[in-house]
ModelCIF file with pLDDT and N, C-alpha, C, O atoms, coordinates in Angstrom:
data_MODEL
#
_entry.id   MODEL 
#
_entity.id                         1 
_entity.type                       polymer 
_entity.pdbx_number_of_molecules   1 
#
_entity_poly.entity_id                      1 
_entity_poly.type                           'polypeptide(L)' 
_entity_poly.nstd_linkage                   no 
_entity_poly.nstd_monomer                   no 
_entity_poly.pdbx_seq_one_letter_code       DHRLNTRTVYLNPISRFIYWNMNYHVEHHMFPMVPYHALPK 
_entity_poly.pdbx_seq_one_letter_code_can   DHRLNTRTVYLNPISRFIYWNMNYHVEHHMFPMVPYHALPK 
_entity_poly.pdbx_strand_id                 A 
#
loop_
_entity_poly_seq.entity_id 
_entity_poly_seq.num 
_entity_poly_seq.mon_id 
_entity_poly_seq.hetero 
1 1  ASP n 
1 2  HIS n 
1 3  ARG n 
1 4  LEU n 
1 5  ASN n 
1 6  THR n 
1 7  ARG n 
1 8  THR n 
1 9  VAL n 
1 10 TYR n 
1 11 LEU n 
1 12 ASN n 
1 13 PRO n 
1 14 ILE n 
1 15 SER n 
1 16 ARG n 
1 17 PHE n 
1 18 ILE n 
1 19 TYR n 
1 20 TRP n 
1 21 ASN n 
1 22 MET n 
1 23 ASN n 
1 24 TYR n 
1 25 HIS n 
1 26 VAL n 
1 27 GLU n 
1 28 HIS n 
1 29 HIS n 
1 30 MET n 
1 31 PHE n 
1 32 PRO n 
1 33 MET n 
1 34 VAL n 
1 35 PRO n 
1 36 TYR n 
1 37 HIS n 
1 38 ALA n 
1 39 LEU n 
1 40 PRO n 
1 41 LYS n 
#
_struct_asym.id          A 
_struct_asym.entity_id   1 
#
loop_
_ma_qa_metric.id 
_ma_qa_metric.mode 
_ma_qa_metric.name 
_ma_qa_metric.software_group_id 
_ma_qa_metric.type 
1 global pLDDT . pLDDT 
2 local  pLDDT . pLDDT 
#
_ma_qa_metric_global.metric_id      1 
_ma_qa_metric_global.metric_value   97.07 
_ma_qa_metric_global.model_id       1 
_ma_qa_metric_global.ordinal_id     1 
#
loop_
_ma_qa_metric_local.label_asym_id 
_ma_qa_metric_local.label_comp_id 
_ma_qa_metric_local.label_seq_id 
_ma_qa_metric_local.metric_id 
_ma_qa_metric_local.metric_value 
_ma_qa_metric_local.model_id 
_ma_qa_metric_local.ordinal_id 
A ASP 1  2 93.00 1 1  
A HIS 2  2 96.00 1 2  
A ARG 3  2 96.00 1 3  
A LEU 4  2 94.00 1 4  
A ASN 5  2 96.00 1 5  
A THR 6  2 97.00 1 6  
A ARG 7  2 98.00 1 7  
A THR 8  2 98.00 1 8  
A VAL 9  2 98.00 1 9  
A TYR 10 2 98.00 1 10 
A LEU 11 2 97.00 1 11 
A ASN 12 2 96.00 1 12 
A PRO 13 2 96.00 1 13 
A ILE 14 2 96.00 1 14 
A SER 15 2 97.00 1 15 
A ARG 16 2 97.00 1 16 
A PHE 17 2 97.00 1 17 
A ILE 18 2 97.00 1 18 
A TYR 19 2 97.00 1 19 
A TRP 20 2 97.00 1 20 
A ASN 21 2 97.00 1 21 
A MET 22 2 97.00 1 22 
A ASN 23 2 97.00 1 23 
A TYR 24 2 98.00 1 24 
A HIS 25 2 98.00 1 25 
A VAL 26 2 98.00 1 26 
A GLU 27 2 98.00 1 27 
A HIS 28 2 98.00 1 28 
A HIS 29 2 98.00 1 29 
A MET 30 2 97.00 1 30 
A PHE 31 2 97.00 1 31 
A PRO 32 2 97.00 1 32 
A MET 33 2 97.00 1 33 
A VAL 34 2 98.00 1 34 
A PRO 35 2 98.00 1 35 
A TYR 36 2 98.00 1 36 
A HIS 37 2 97.00 1 37 
A ALA 38 2 98.00 1 38 
A LEU 39 2 98.00 1 39 
A PRO 40 2 98.00 1 40 
A LYS 41 2 97.00 1 41 
#
loop_
_atom_site.group_PDB 
_atom_site.id 
_atom_site.type_symbol 
_atom_site.label_atom_id 
_atom_site.label_alt_id 
_atom_site.label_comp_id 
_atom_site.label_asym_id 
_atom_site.label_entity_id 
_atom_site.label_seq_id 
_atom_site.pdbx_PDB_ins_code 
_atom_site.Cartn_x 
_atom_site.Cartn_y 
_atom_site.Cartn_z 
_atom_site.occupancy 
_atom_site.B_iso_or_equiv 
_atom_site.pdbx_formal_charge 
_atom_site.auth_seq_id 
_atom_site.auth_comp_id 
_atom_site.auth_asym_id 
_atom_site.auth_atom_id 
_atom_site.pdbx_PDB_model_num 
ATOM 1   N N  . ASP A 1 1  ? -89.128  -89.845 -41.210 1.00 93.00 ? 1  ASP A N  1 
ATOM 2   C CA . ASP A 1 1  ? -90.491  -89.613 -40.742 1.00 93.00 ? 1  ASP A CA 1 
ATOM 3   C C  . ASP A 1 1  ? -90.383  -88.664 -39.556 1.00 93.00 ? 1  ASP A C  1 
ATOM 4   O O  . ASP A 1 1  ? -89.874  -89.046 -38.503 1.00 93.00 ? 1  ASP A O  1 
ATOM 5   N N  . HIS A 1 2  ? -90.856  -87.434 -39.716 1.00 96.00 ? 2  HIS A N  1 
ATOM 6   C CA . HIS A 1 2  ? -90.687  -86.422 -38.672 1.00 96.00 ? 2  HIS A CA 1 
ATOM 7   C C  . HIS A 1 2  ? -91.411  -86.782 -37.385 1.00 96.00 ? 2  HIS A C  1 
ATOM 8   O O  . HIS A 1 2  ? -91.090  -86.229 -36.333 1.00 96.00 ? 2  HIS A O  1 
ATOM 9   N N  . ARG A 1 3  ? -92.353  -87.668 -37.434 1.00 96.00 ? 3  ARG A N  1 
ATOM 10  C CA . ARG A 1 3  ? -93.038  -88.089 -36.221 1.00 96.00 ? 3  ARG A CA 1 
ATOM 11  C C  . ARG A 1 3  ? -92.114  -88.915 -35.329 1.00 96.00 ? 3  ARG A C  1 
ATOM 12  O O  . ARG A 1 3  ? -92.375  -89.076 -34.137 1.00 96.00 ? 3  ARG A O  1 
ATOM 13  N N  . LEU A 1 4  ? -91.031  -89.438 -35.911 1.00 94.00 ? 4  LEU A N  1 
ATOM 14  C CA . LEU A 1 4  ? -90.057  -90.222 -35.159 1.00 94.00 ? 4  LEU A CA 1 
ATOM 15  C C  . LEU A 1 4  ? -88.921  -89.381 -34.593 1.00 94.00 ? 4  LEU A C  1 
ATOM 16  O O  . LEU A 1 4  ? -88.355  -89.729 -33.557 1.00 94.00 ? 4  LEU A O  1 
ATOM 17  N N  . ASN A 1 5  ? -88.576  -88.265 -35.263 1.00 96.00 ? 5  ASN A N  1 
ATOM 18  C CA . ASN A 1 5  ? -87.382  -87.523 -34.831 1.00 96.00 ? 5  ASN A CA 1 
ATOM 19  C C  . ASN A 1 5  ? -87.667  -86.117 -34.328 1.00 96.00 ? 5  ASN A C  1 
ATOM 20  O O  . ASN A 1 5  ? -86.733  -85.372 -34.032 1.00 96.00 ? 5  ASN A O  1 
ATOM 21  N N  . THR A 1 6  ? -88.928  -85.740 -34.225 1.00 97.00 ? 6  THR A N  1 
ATOM 22  C CA . THR A 1 6  ? -89.290  -84.363 -33.859 1.00 97.00 ? 6  THR A CA 1 
ATOM 23  C C  . THR A 1 6  ? -90.421  -84.389 -32.848 1.00 97.00 ? 6  THR A C  1 
ATOM 24  O O  . THR A 1 6  ? -91.252  -85.297 -32.849 1.00 97.00 ? 6  THR A O  1 
ATOM 25  N N  . ARG A 1 7  ? -90.444  -83.375 -31.979 1.00 98.00 ? 7  ARG A N  1 
ATOM 26  C CA . ARG A 1 7  ? -91.396  -83.353 -30.868 1.00 98.00 ? 7  ARG A CA 1 
ATOM 27  C C  . ARG A 1 7  ? -92.252  -82.088 -30.910 1.00 98.00 ? 7  ARG A C  1 
ATOM 28  O O  . ARG A 1 7  ? -91.739  -80.988 -31.117 1.00 98.00 ? 7  ARG A O  1 
ATOM 29  N N  . THR A 1 8  ? -93.551  -82.254 -30.714 1.00 98.00 ? 8  THR A N  1 
ATOM 30  C CA . THR A 1 8  ? -94.462  -81.126 -30.529 1.00 98.00 ? 8  THR A CA 1 
ATOM 31  C C  . THR A 1 8  ? -94.836  -81.046 -29.054 1.00 98.00 ? 8  THR A C  1 
ATOM 32  O O  . THR A 1 8  ? -95.122  -82.061 -28.420 1.00 98.00 ? 8  THR A O  1 
ATOM 33  N N  . VAL A 1 9  ? -94.831  -79.826 -28.513 1.00 98.00 ? 9  VAL A N  1 
ATOM 34  C CA . VAL A 1 9  ? -95.106  -79.600 -27.094 1.00 98.00 ? 9  VAL A CA 1 
ATOM 35  C C  . VAL A 1 9  ? -96.100  -78.454 -26.963 1.00 98.00 ? 9  VAL A C  1 
ATOM 36  O O  . VAL A 1 9  ? -95.946  -77.422 -27.616 1.00 98.00 ? 9  VAL A O  1 
ATOM 37  N N  . TYR A 1 10 ? -97.108  -78.624 -26.134 1.00 98.00 ? 10 TYR A N  1 
ATOM 38  C CA . TYR A 1 10 ? -98.013  -77.517 -25.839 1.00 98.00 ? 10 TYR A CA 1 
ATOM 39  C C  . TYR A 1 10 ? -97.332  -76.558 -24.867 1.00 98.00 ? 10 TYR A C  1 
ATOM 40  O O  . TYR A 1 10 ? -96.774  -76.981 -23.854 1.00 98.00 ? 10 TYR A O  1 
ATOM 41  N N  . LEU A 1 11 ? -97.382  -75.262 -25.181 1.00 97.00 ? 11 LEU A N  1 
ATOM 42  C CA . LEU A 1 11 ? -96.766  -74.243 -24.340 1.00 97.00 ? 11 LEU A CA 1 
ATOM 43  C C  . LEU A 1 11 ? -97.793  -73.204 -23.905 1.00 97.00 ? 11 LEU A C  1 
ATOM 44  O O  . LEU A 1 11 ? -98.869  -73.085 -24.491 1.00 97.00 ? 11 LEU A O  1 
ATOM 45  N N  . ASN A 1 12 ? -97.437  -72.460 -22.869 1.00 96.00 ? 12 ASN A N  1 
ATOM 46  C CA . ASN A 1 12 ? -98.289  -71.364 -22.404 1.00 96.00 ? 12 ASN A CA 1 
ATOM 47  C C  . ASN A 1 12 ? -98.249  -70.225 -23.419 1.00 96.00 ? 12 ASN A C  1 
ATOM 48  O O  . ASN A 1 12 ? -97.331  -70.167 -24.237 1.00 96.00 ? 12 ASN A O  1 
ATOM 49  N N  . PRO A 1 13 ? -99.227  -69.317 -23.382 1.00 96.00 ? 13 PRO A N  1 
ATOM 50  C CA . PRO A 1 13 ? -99.309  -68.248 -24.398 1.00 96.00 ? 13 PRO A CA 1 
ATOM 51  C C  . PRO A 1 13 ? -98.083  -67.348 -24.462 1.00 96.00 ? 13 PRO A C  1 
ATOM 52  O O  . PRO A 1 13 ? -97.708  -66.904 -25.548 1.00 96.00 ? 13 PRO A O  1 
ATOM 53  N N  . ILE A 1 14 ? -97.446  -67.066 -23.322 1.00 96.00 ? 14 ILE A N  1 
ATOM 54  C CA . ILE A 1 14 ? -96.271  -66.185 -23.323 1.00 96.00 ? 14 ILE A CA 1 
ATOM 55  C C  . ILE A 1 14 ? -95.106  -66.861 -24.038 1.00 96.00 ? 14 ILE A C  1 
ATOM 56  O O  . ILE A 1 14 ? -94.437  -66.249 -24.871 1.00 96.00 ? 14 ILE A O  1 
ATOM 57  N N  . SER A 1 15 ? -94.871  -68.134 -23.705 1.00 97.00 ? 15 SER A N  1 
ATOM 58  C CA . SER A 1 15 ? -93.792  -68.863 -24.367 1.00 97.00 ? 15 SER A CA 1 
ATOM 59  C C  . SER A 1 15 ? -94.077  -69.023 -25.864 1.00 97.00 ? 15 SER A C  1 
ATOM 60  O O  . SER A 1 15 ? -93.162  -68.953 -26.684 1.00 97.00 ? 15 SER A O  1 
ATOM 61  N N  . ARG A 1 16 ? -95.325  -69.234 -26.209 1.00 97.00 ? 16 ARG A N  1 
ATOM 62  C CA . ARG A 1 16 ? -95.678  -69.363 -27.617 1.00 97.00 ? 16 ARG A CA 1 
ATOM 63  C C  . ARG A 1 16 ? -95.421  -68.062 -28.365 1.00 97.00 ? 16 ARG A C  1 
ATOM 64  O O  . ARG A 1 16 ? -94.992  -68.085 -29.519 1.00 97.00 ? 16 ARG A O  1 
ATOM 65  N N  . PHE A 1 17 ? -95.677  -66.932 -27.722 1.00 97.00 ? 17 PHE A N  1 
ATOM 66  C CA . PHE A 1 17 ? -95.400  -65.642 -28.362 1.00 97.00 ? 17 PHE A CA 1 
ATOM 67  C C  . PHE A 1 17 ? -93.897  -65.466 -28.574 1.00 97.00 ? 17 PHE A C  1 
ATOM 68  O O  . PHE A 1 17 ? -93.453  -65.085 -29.656 1.00 97.00 ? 17 PHE A O  1 
ATOM 69  N N  . ILE A 1 18 ? -93.130  -65.745 -27.536 1.00 97.00 ? 18 ILE A N  1 
ATOM 70  C CA . ILE A 1 18 ? -91.677  -65.600 -27.649 1.00 97.00 ? 18 ILE A CA 1 
ATOM 71  C C  . ILE A 1 18 ? -91.137  -66.547 -28.711 1.00 97.00 ? 18 ILE A C  1 
ATOM 72  O O  . ILE A 1 18 ? -90.265  -66.185 -29.500 1.00 97.00 ? 18 ILE A O  1 
ATOM 73  N N  . TYR A 1 19 ? -91.666  -67.761 -28.717 1.00 97.00 ? 19 TYR A N  1 
ATOM 74  C CA . TYR A 1 19 ? -91.148  -68.834 -29.574 1.00 97.00 ? 19 TYR A CA 1 
ATOM 75  C C  . TYR A 1 19 ? -91.815  -68.863 -30.941 1.00 97.00 ? 19 TYR A C  1 
ATOM 76  O O  . TYR A 1 19 ? -91.455  -69.682 -31.787 1.00 97.00 ? 19 TYR A O  1 
ATOM 77  N N  . TRP A 1 20 ? -92.761  -68.001 -31.165 1.00 97.00 ? 20 TRP A N  1 
ATOM 78  C CA . TRP A 1 20 ? -93.474  -67.896 -32.440 1.00 97.00 ? 20 TRP A CA 1 
ATOM 79  C C  . TRP A 1 20 ? -94.018  -69.249 -32.910 1.00 97.00 ? 20 TRP A C  1 
ATOM 80  O O  . TRP A 1 20 ? -93.864  -69.636 -34.068 1.00 97.00 ? 20 TRP A O  1 
ATOM 81  N N  . ASN A 1 21 ? -94.657  -69.951 -31.974 1.00 97.00 ? 21 ASN A N  1 
ATOM 82  C CA . ASN A 1 21 ? -95.371  -71.204 -32.269 1.00 97.00 ? 21 ASN A CA 1 
ATOM 83  C C  . ASN A 1 21 ? -94.472  -72.326 -32.786 1.00 97.00 ? 21 ASN A C  1 
ATOM 84  O O  . ASN A 1 21 ? -94.971  -73.299 -33.352 1.00 97.00 ? 21 ASN A O  1 
ATOM 85  N N  . MET A 1 22 ? -93.156  -72.207 -32.601 1.00 97.00 ? 22 MET A N  1 
ATOM 86  C CA . MET A 1 22 ? -92.274  -73.285 -33.054 1.00 97.00 ? 22 MET A CA 1 
ATOM 87  C C  . MET A 1 22 ? -92.381  -74.534 -32.185 1.00 97.00 ? 22 MET A C  1 
ATOM 88  O O  . MET A 1 22 ? -91.757  -75.555 -32.476 1.00 97.00 ? 22 MET A O  1 
ATOM 89  N N  . ASN A 1 23 ? -93.183  -74.450 -31.107 1.00 97.00 ? 23 ASN A N  1 
ATOM 90  C CA . ASN A 1 23 ? -93.438  -75.653 -30.316 1.00 97.00 ? 23 ASN A CA 1 
ATOM 91  C C  . ASN A 1 23 ? -94.229  -76.675 -31.122 1.00 97.00 ? 23 ASN A C  1 
ATOM 92  O O  . ASN A 1 23 ? -94.220  -77.862 -30.799 1.00 97.00 ? 23 ASN A O  1 
ATOM 93  N N  . TYR A 1 24 ? -94.924  -76.216 -32.184 1.00 98.00 ? 24 TYR A N  1 
ATOM 94  C CA . TYR A 1 24 ? -95.578  -77.144 -33.107 1.00 98.00 ? 24 TYR A CA 1 
ATOM 95  C C  . TYR A 1 24 ? -94.520  -77.599 -34.119 1.00 98.00 ? 24 TYR A C  1 
ATOM 96  O O  . TYR A 1 24 ? -94.577  -77.257 -35.300 1.00 98.00 ? 24 TYR A O  1 
ATOM 97  N N  . HIS A 1 25 ? -93.556  -78.379 -33.624 1.00 98.00 ? 25 HIS A N  1 
ATOM 98  C CA . HIS A 1 25 ? -92.357  -78.590 -34.425 1.00 98.00 ? 25 HIS A CA 1 
ATOM 99  C C  . HIS A 1 25 ? -92.496  -79.718 -35.437 1.00 98.00 ? 25 HIS A C  1 
ATOM 100 O O  . HIS A 1 25 ? -91.922  -79.644 -36.524 1.00 98.00 ? 25 HIS A O  1 
ATOM 101 N N  . VAL A 1 26 ? -93.246  -80.757 -35.100 1.00 98.00 ? 26 VAL A N  1 
ATOM 102 C CA . VAL A 1 26 ? -93.498  -81.793 -36.099 1.00 98.00 ? 26 VAL A CA 1 
ATOM 103 C C  . VAL A 1 26 ? -94.234  -81.178 -37.282 1.00 98.00 ? 26 VAL A C  1 
ATOM 104 O O  . VAL A 1 26 ? -93.901  -81.435 -38.439 1.00 98.00 ? 26 VAL A O  1 
ATOM 105 N N  . GLU A 1 27 ? -95.226  -80.372 -36.977 1.00 98.00 ? 27 GLU A N  1 
ATOM 106 C CA . GLU A 1 27 ? -96.015  -79.719 -38.022 1.00 98.00 ? 27 GLU A CA 1 
ATOM 107 C C  . GLU A 1 27 ? -95.132  -78.829 -38.895 1.00 98.00 ? 27 GLU A C  1 
ATOM 108 O O  . GLU A 1 27 ? -95.255  -78.816 -40.119 1.00 98.00 ? 27 GLU A O  1 
ATOM 109 N N  . HIS A 1 28 ? -94.236  -78.083 -38.236 1.00 98.00 ? 28 HIS A N  1 
ATOM 110 C CA . HIS A 1 28 ? -93.355  -77.190 -38.993 1.00 98.00 ? 28 HIS A CA 1 
ATOM 111 C C  . HIS A 1 28 ? -92.431  -77.976 -39.922 1.00 98.00 ? 28 HIS A C  1 
ATOM 112 O O  . HIS A 1 28 ? -92.226  -77.581 -41.070 1.00 98.00 ? 28 HIS A O  1 
ATOM 113 N N  . HIS A 1 29 ? -91.877  -79.077 -39.439 1.00 98.00 ? 29 HIS A N  1 
ATOM 114 C CA . HIS A 1 29 ? -90.956  -79.844 -40.289 1.00 98.00 ? 29 HIS A CA 1 
ATOM 115 C C  . HIS A 1 29 ? -91.686  -80.526 -41.435 1.00 98.00 ? 29 HIS A C  1 
ATOM 116 O O  . HIS A 1 29 ? -91.134  -80.655 -42.528 1.00 98.00 ? 29 HIS A O  1 
ATOM 117 N N  . MET A 1 30 ? -92.907  -80.961 -41.204 1.00 97.00 ? 30 MET A N  1 
ATOM 118 C CA . MET A 1 30 ? -93.676  -81.566 -42.300 1.00 97.00 ? 30 MET A CA 1 
ATOM 119 C C  . MET A 1 30 ? -94.016  -80.538 -43.368 1.00 97.00 ? 30 MET A C  1 
ATOM 120 O O  . MET A 1 30 ? -93.952  -80.829 -44.562 1.00 97.00 ? 30 MET A O  1 
ATOM 121 N N  . PHE A 1 31 ? -94.378  -79.333 -42.931 1.00 97.00 ? 31 PHE A N  1 
ATOM 122 C CA . PHE A 1 31 ? -94.827  -78.295 -43.858 1.00 97.00 ? 31 PHE A CA 1 
ATOM 123 C C  . PHE A 1 31 ? -94.131  -76.976 -43.518 1.00 97.00 ? 31 PHE A C  1 
ATOM 124 O O  . PHE A 1 31 ? -94.754  -76.072 -42.963 1.00 97.00 ? 31 PHE A O  1 
ATOM 125 N N  . PRO A 1 32 ? -92.826  -76.862 -43.854 1.00 97.00 ? 32 PRO A N  1 
ATOM 126 C CA . PRO A 1 32 ? -92.035  -75.704 -43.418 1.00 97.00 ? 32 PRO A CA 1 
ATOM 127 C C  . PRO A 1 32 ? -92.430  -74.379 -44.043 1.00 97.00 ? 32 PRO A C  1 
ATOM 128 O O  . PRO A 1 32 ? -91.975  -73.332 -43.584 1.00 97.00 ? 32 PRO A O  1 
ATOM 129 N N  . MET A 1 33 ? -93.265  -74.392 -45.078 1.00 97.00 ? 33 MET A N  1 
ATOM 130 C CA . MET A 1 33 ? -93.665  -73.132 -45.691 1.00 97.00 ? 33 MET A CA 1 
ATOM 131 C C  . MET A 1 33 ? -94.975  -72.590 -45.119 1.00 97.00 ? 33 MET A C  1 
ATOM 132 O O  . MET A 1 33 ? -95.504  -71.597 -45.619 1.00 97.00 ? 33 MET A O  1 
ATOM 133 N N  . VAL A 1 34 ? -95.496  -73.227 -44.086 1.00 98.00 ? 34 VAL A N  1 
ATOM 134 C CA . VAL A 1 34 ? -96.661  -72.690 -43.388 1.00 98.00 ? 34 VAL A CA 1 
ATOM 135 C C  . VAL A 1 34 ? -96.174  -71.655 -42.378 1.00 98.00 ? 34 VAL A C  1 
ATOM 136 O O  . VAL A 1 34 ? -95.349  -71.997 -41.531 1.00 98.00 ? 34 VAL A O  1 
ATOM 137 N N  . PRO A 1 35 ? -96.644  -70.401 -42.425 1.00 98.00 ? 35 PRO A N  1 
ATOM 138 C CA . PRO A 1 35 ? -96.184  -69.365 -41.493 1.00 98.00 ? 35 PRO A CA 1 
ATOM 139 C C  . PRO A 1 35 ? -96.483  -69.715 -40.039 1.00 98.00 ? 35 PRO A C  1 
ATOM 140 O O  . PRO A 1 35 ? -97.384  -70.499 -39.741 1.00 98.00 ? 35 PRO A O  1 
ATOM 141 N N  . TYR A 1 36 ? -95.706  -69.114 -39.149 1.00 98.00 ? 36 TYR A N  1 
ATOM 142 C CA . TYR A 1 36 ? -95.827  -69.428 -37.721 1.00 98.00 ? 36 TYR A CA 1 
ATOM 143 C C  . TYR A 1 36 ? -97.233  -69.201 -37.183 1.00 98.00 ? 36 TYR A C  1 
ATOM 144 O O  . TYR A 1 36 ? -97.700  -69.959 -36.332 1.00 98.00 ? 36 TYR A O  1 
ATOM 145 N N  . HIS A 1 37 ? -97.921  -68.150 -37.676 1.00 97.00 ? 37 HIS A N  1 
ATOM 146 C CA . HIS A 1 37 ? -99.236  -67.814 -37.123 1.00 97.00 ? 37 HIS A CA 1 
ATOM 147 C C  . HIS A 1 37 ? -100.311 -68.811 -37.555 1.00 97.00 ? 37 HIS A C  1 
ATOM 148 O O  . HIS A 1 37 ? -101.404 -68.822 -36.989 1.00 97.00 ? 37 HIS A O  1 
ATOM 149 N N  . ALA A 1 38 ? -100.007 -69.661 -38.566 1.00 98.00 ? 38 ALA A N  1 
ATOM 150 C CA . ALA A 1 38 ? -100.968 -70.663 -39.027 1.00 98.00 ? 38 ALA A CA 1 
ATOM 151 C C  . ALA A 1 38 ? -100.681 -72.049 -38.463 1.00 98.00 ? 38 ALA A C  1 
ATOM 152 O O  . ALA A 1 38 ? -101.440 -72.983 -38.720 1.00 98.00 ? 38 ALA A O  1 
ATOM 153 N N  . LEU A 1 39 ? -99.598  -72.206 -37.697 1.00 98.00 ? 39 LEU A N  1 
ATOM 154 C CA . LEU A 1 39 ? -99.245  -73.526 -37.183 1.00 98.00 ? 39 LEU A CA 1 
ATOM 155 C C  . LEU A 1 39 ? -100.296 -74.111 -36.234 1.00 98.00 ? 39 LEU A C  1 
ATOM 156 O O  . LEU A 1 39 ? -100.536 -75.317 -36.293 1.00 98.00 ? 39 LEU A O  1 
ATOM 157 N N  . PRO A 1 40 ? -100.939 -73.319 -35.361 1.00 98.00 ? 40 PRO A N  1 
ATOM 158 C CA . PRO A 1 40 ? -102.008 -73.916 -34.543 1.00 98.00 ? 40 PRO A CA 1 
ATOM 159 C C  . PRO A 1 40 ? -103.140 -74.506 -35.383 1.00 98.00 ? 40 PRO A C  1 
ATOM 160 O O  . PRO A 1 40 ? -103.673 -75.562 -35.043 1.00 98.00 ? 40 PRO A O  1 
ATOM 161 N N  . LYS A 1 41 ? -103.510 -73.840 -36.469 1.00 97.00 ? 41 LYS A N  1 
ATOM 162 C CA . LYS A 1 41 ? -104.550 -74.376 -37.354 1.00 97.00 ? 41 LYS A CA 1 
ATOM 163 C C  . LYS A 1 41 ? -104.062 -75.648 -38.042 1.00 97.00 ? 41 LYS A C  1 
ATOM 164 O O  . LYS A 1 41 ? -104.798 -76.247 -38.827 1.00 97.00 ? 41 LYS A O  1 
#
């Protein structure tokens, strides 16, 4: 269960640009085929 082993963190816009929204990491692991630009949605 990715909610148990993965962490999502809100980041500032500059860090989010550098990191390409990978701070939404639980979301990414649940649905890895969602592109980085759609992770906030």
